[in-house]
Amino acid sequence: MEQVKGLNVVLLGKTRAGKSLTGNTILGRPAFKSKKSSRSITQDVAVESGSVGLFPVTVYDTPGLFDTEMSEDEIQKKYKELLQKCESGPCVFLLVIKADRFTKEERETVEKIEKMLGEERLKKTWILFTRGDELEEENVTINEFLNGTEQLKKLTEKYGQRYHVFNNKAKGQAGQVQELFIKMFKPHMNSLGEDLETLKQNPLTRKIHQ
């Protein structure tokens, strides 16, 4: 079985959902520009590489599908090129959504992304909720939040409960990143008969097979 050389992680979502900050959290450094703006800061696909534990990762930060100066055709072209490039190796998609009110524009963004990815890619897509810091401040768990937000609860059910939450403001963020990667790799570990507890004890440094 071919050994995986690394993982391509594609960040998708609406402008200001927290994609760039999420990329920084995954890589453990300020790799992507991030600032509050009504317009998409990322006008082009930004690519940065690093590692999670000792596991090599390449992160693709994408333009928001709204509030960008690009035309619809330009956006479609960029995403088509991105999908071809990142799928030359193992690839996973993170649909970045704020743990907040699920607005009409956010719902439309999700629908656009789903249409663009298609059924097969959606099987490799995880929902990543940002603003975990605000949930912690309000002493609300992600499950409590989802139970109180019917549309997001239905969305996570549609994705087979493939979701995770990030606190992008926390110090020492490696633990939450490794937890996400263990979740993503868990089905593959089980299918290979691997012991997940061993992976947890030494996260992401064992050989991960495709």
Protein backbone atom coordinates (compact mmCIF):
# COMPACT_ATOMS: atom_id res chain seq x y z
CA MET A 1 0.00 0.00 0.00
CA GLU A 2 1.40 3.39 -0.98
CA GLN A 3 2.63 5.53 1.88
CA VAL A 4 1.15 9.00 2.11
CA LYS A 5 3.81 11.70 1.69
CA GLY A 6 1.61 14.38 3.25
CA LEU A 7 -1.84 15.84 3.23
CA ASN A 8 -3.30 18.72 1.23
CA VAL A 9 -5.84 20.70 3.28
CA VAL A 10 -8.15 23.09 1.39
CA LEU A 11 -9.91 25.81 3.41
CA LEU A 12 -13.28 26.84 1.97
CA GLY A 13 -15.91 29.27 3.20
CA LYS A 14 -17.31 32.75 3.29
CA THR A 15 -15.22 35.90 3.71
CA ARG A 16 -14.46 36.51 7.42
CA ALA A 17 -15.32 32.93 8.40
CA GLY A 18 -11.79 32.59 9.80
CA LYS A 19 -10.09 30.60 7.02
CA SER A 20 -6.73 32.39 7.22
CA LEU A 21 -6.63 32.17 11.02
CA THR A 22 -7.52 28.47 10.76
CA GLY A 23 -4.61 27.94 8.35
CA ASN A 24 -2.32 29.66 10.84
CA THR A 25 -3.63 27.44 13.65
CA ILE A 26 -3.01 24.27 11.62
CA LEU A 27 0.54 25.29 10.67
CA GLY A 28 1.31 26.75 14.08
CA ARG A 29 2.62 30.05 12.67
CA PRO A 30 1.29 33.28 11.07
CA ALA A 31 1.50 31.89 7.52
CA PHE A 32 -1.57 33.66 6.12
CA LYS A 33 -2.61 37.32 6.34
CA SER A 34 -5.66 37.88 8.48
CA LYS A 35 -7.47 41.10 9.36
CA LYS A 36 -11.04 42.26 9.77
CA SER A 37 -12.40 43.43 6.45
CA SER A 38 -15.70 43.35 4.58
CA ARG A 39 -13.78 42.25 1.49
CA SER A 40 -11.94 39.00 0.96
CA ILE A 41 -8.30 39.48 2.02
CA THR A 42 -7.31 36.40 0.04
CA GLN A 43 -7.90 37.38 -3.60
CA ASP A 44 -5.83 34.46 -4.86
CA VAL A 45 -5.24 30.95 -3.55
CA ALA A 46 -2.46 31.18 -0.93
CA VAL A 47 -0.40 28.06 -0.29
CA GLU A 48 1.80 27.34 2.72
CA SER A 49 3.43 24.11 3.93
CA GLY A 50 4.41 22.85 7.35
CA SER A 51 3.69 19.92 9.60
CA VAL A 52 1.30 18.71 12.27
CA GLY A 53 3.46 16.77 14.69
CA LEU A 54 5.90 15.29 12.18
CA PHE A 55 3.22 14.82 9.54
CA PRO A 56 3.73 17.02 6.45
CA VAL A 57 0.81 19.27 5.51
CA THR A 58 0.16 21.78 2.73
CA VAL A 59 -2.65 24.27 3.41
CA TYR A 60 -4.55 26.09 0.65
CA ASP A 61 -6.31 29.30 1.77
CA THR A 62 -8.98 30.27 -0.77
CA PRO A 63 -10.77 33.50 -1.67
CA GLY A 64 -14.20 34.02 -0.09
CA LEU A 65 -17.07 33.32 -2.46
CA PHE A 66 -18.71 36.66 -1.59
CA ASP A 67 -17.30 40.16 -1.10
CA THR A 68 -14.51 39.63 -3.59
CA GLU A 69 -13.62 41.76 -6.58
CA MET A 70 -13.34 38.69 -8.80
CA SER A 71 -16.07 37.76 -11.27
CA GLU A 72 -17.98 34.48 -11.00
CA ASP A 73 -16.01 33.08 -13.97
CA GLU A 74 -12.68 34.03 -12.38
CA ILE A 75 -13.68 32.35 -9.12
CA GLN A 76 -14.77 29.16 -10.90
CA LYS A 77 -11.51 29.06 -12.88
CA LYS A 78 -9.39 29.51 -9.74
CA TYR A 79 -11.21 26.76 -7.90
CA LYS A 80 -10.98 24.38 -10.86
CA GLU A 81 -7.21 24.88 -11.03
CA LEU A 82 -6.97 24.47 -7.25
CA LEU A 83 -8.88 21.18 -7.23
CA GLN A 84 -6.69 19.75 -9.98
CA LYS A 85 -3.53 20.78 -8.15
CA CYS A 86 -4.40 19.68 -4.63
CA GLU A 87 -5.89 16.36 -5.72
CA SER A 88 -2.57 15.24 -7.16
CA GLY A 89 -2.10 13.84 -3.64
CA PRO A 90 -4.22 12.97 -0.57
CA CYS A 91 -6.62 15.85 -0.05
CA VAL A 92 -9.20 16.91 2.52
CA PHE A 93 -11.56 19.89 2.45
CA LEU A 94 -12.42 22.00 5.49
CA LEU A 95 -15.66 23.97 5.24
CA VAL A 96 -14.97 26.85 7.64
CA ILE A 97 -18.07 28.26 9.37
CA LYS A 98 -18.33 30.63 12.33
CA ALA A 99 -19.99 29.14 15.40
CA ASP A 100 -22.60 31.86 15.24
CA ARG A 101 -25.89 32.63 13.54
CA PHE A 102 -26.11 30.69 10.24
CA THR A 103 -27.16 33.54 7.95
CA LYS A 104 -28.76 33.33 4.51
CA GLU A 105 -25.49 34.38 2.88
CA GLU A 106 -23.59 31.68 4.76
CA ARG A 107 -26.14 29.07 3.70
CA GLU A 108 -25.79 30.19 0.09
CA THR A 109 -21.99 29.97 0.39
CA VAL A 110 -22.25 26.39 1.64
CA GLU A 111 -24.58 25.50 -1.25
CA LYS A 112 -22.14 27.04 -3.76
CA ILE A 113 -19.23 25.10 -2.29
CA GLU A 114 -21.19 21.84 -2.25
CA LYS A 115 -22.16 22.30 -5.89
CA MET A 116 -18.57 23.10 -6.85
CA LEU A 117 -17.08 20.13 -4.98
CA GLY A 118 -19.57 17.49 -6.08
CA GLU A 119 -20.68 14.36 -4.28
CA GLU A 120 -17.37 12.46 -4.15
CA ARG A 121 -15.35 15.38 -2.74
CA LEU A 122 -18.03 16.07 -0.13
CA LYS A 123 -17.19 12.67 1.35
CA LYS A 124 -13.73 14.13 2.12
CA THR A 125 -15.14 17.37 3.53
CA TRP A 126 -15.24 18.29 7.22
CA ILE A 127 -17.01 21.23 8.81
CA LEU A 128 -14.66 23.33 10.91
CA PHE A 129 -16.37 25.73 13.29
CA THR A 130 -14.38 28.81 14.32
CA ARG A 131 -14.99 31.13 17.31
CA GLY A 132 -14.46 28.33 19.78
CA ASP A 133 -13.07 31.03 22.09
CA GLU A 134 -16.51 32.69 22.29
CA LEU A 135 -18.20 29.36 23.06
CA GLU A 136 -15.68 28.82 25.87
CA GLU A 137 -16.31 32.32 27.25
CA GLU A 138 -20.04 31.62 27.28
CA ASN A 139 -19.42 28.16 28.77
CA VAL A 140 -21.26 26.50 25.88
CA THR A 141 -20.13 23.22 24.33
CA ILE A 142 -20.23 22.74 20.57
CA ASN A 143 -22.98 20.12 21.02
CA GLU A 144 -25.11 22.55 23.04
CA PHE A 145 -24.56 25.21 20.39
CA LEU A 146 -25.57 22.87 17.55
CA ASN A 147 -28.64 21.66 19.42
CA GLY A 148 -29.76 25.28 19.66
CA THR A 149 -29.11 26.01 15.97
CA GLU A 150 -31.38 23.72 13.97
CA GLN A 151 -29.95 24.46 10.50
CA LEU A 152 -26.35 23.85 11.58
CA LYS A 153 -27.41 20.70 13.40
CA LYS A 154 -28.98 19.43 10.16
CA LEU A 155 -25.84 20.38 8.25
CA THR A 156 -23.57 18.35 10.56
CA GLU A 157 -25.98 15.40 10.24
CA LYS A 158 -25.77 15.70 6.45
CA TYR A 159 -21.96 15.50 6.73
CA GLY A 160 -22.13 12.39 8.91
CA GLN A 161 -21.08 14.33 12.06
CA ARG A 162 -17.74 15.17 10.45
CA TYR A 163 -17.10 18.41 12.31
CA HIS A 164 -14.60 19.99 14.68
CA VAL A 165 -14.26 23.31 16.47
CA PHE A 166 -11.18 25.56 16.67
CA ASN A 167 -10.28 28.26 19.14
CA ASN A 168 -7.97 30.27 16.87
CA LYS A 169 -7.08 32.65 19.72
CA ALA A 170 -5.88 30.01 22.17
CA LYS A 171 -2.24 29.66 23.16
CA GLY A 172 -0.71 26.25 22.54
CA GLN A 173 -3.00 25.25 19.69
CA ALA A 174 -1.22 22.03 18.68
CA GLY A 175 -3.57 19.83 20.72
CA GLN A 176 -6.77 20.89 18.95
CA VAL A 177 -5.07 20.51 15.55
CA GLN A 178 -3.83 17.00 16.35
CA GLU A 179 -7.31 16.11 17.62
CA LEU A 180 -8.77 17.15 14.23
CA PHE A 181 -6.20 15.08 12.33
CA ILE A 182 -6.82 12.03 14.52
CA LYS A 183 -10.56 12.39 13.81
CA MET A 184 -9.87 12.61 10.07
CA PHE A 185 -7.54 9.61 10.06
CA LYS A 186 -9.61 7.44 12.43
CA PRO A 187 -11.68 5.68 9.70
CA HIS A 188 -8.49 4.80 7.82
CA MET A 189 -6.80 3.51 10.97
CA ASN A 190 -9.76 1.25 11.70
CA SER A 191 -9.89 -0.09 8.15
CA LEU A 192 -6.20 -0.97 8.39
CA GLY A 193 -6.67 -2.63 11.76
CA GLU A 194 -4.36 -0.09 13.37
CA ASP A 195 -4.57 0.72 17.05
CA LEU A 196 -5.92 4.28 17.40
CA GLU A 197 -4.68 4.48 21.00
CA THR A 198 -1.10 4.12 19.75
CA LEU A 199 -1.67 7.02 17.36
CA LYS A 200 -3.08 9.11 20.21
CA GLN A 201 -0.03 8.42 22.38
CA ASN A 202 2.28 9.54 19.58
CA PRO A 203 0.01 11.69 17.38
CA LEU A 204 0.64 11.73 13.65
CA THR A 205 4.21 10.50 13.78
CA ARG A 206 3.42 6.91 12.76
CA LYS A 207 3.24 5.93 9.11
CA ILE A 208 -0.21 6.84 7.83
CA HIS A 209 -1.29 4.78 4.84
CA GLN A 210 -3.68 5.77 2.10
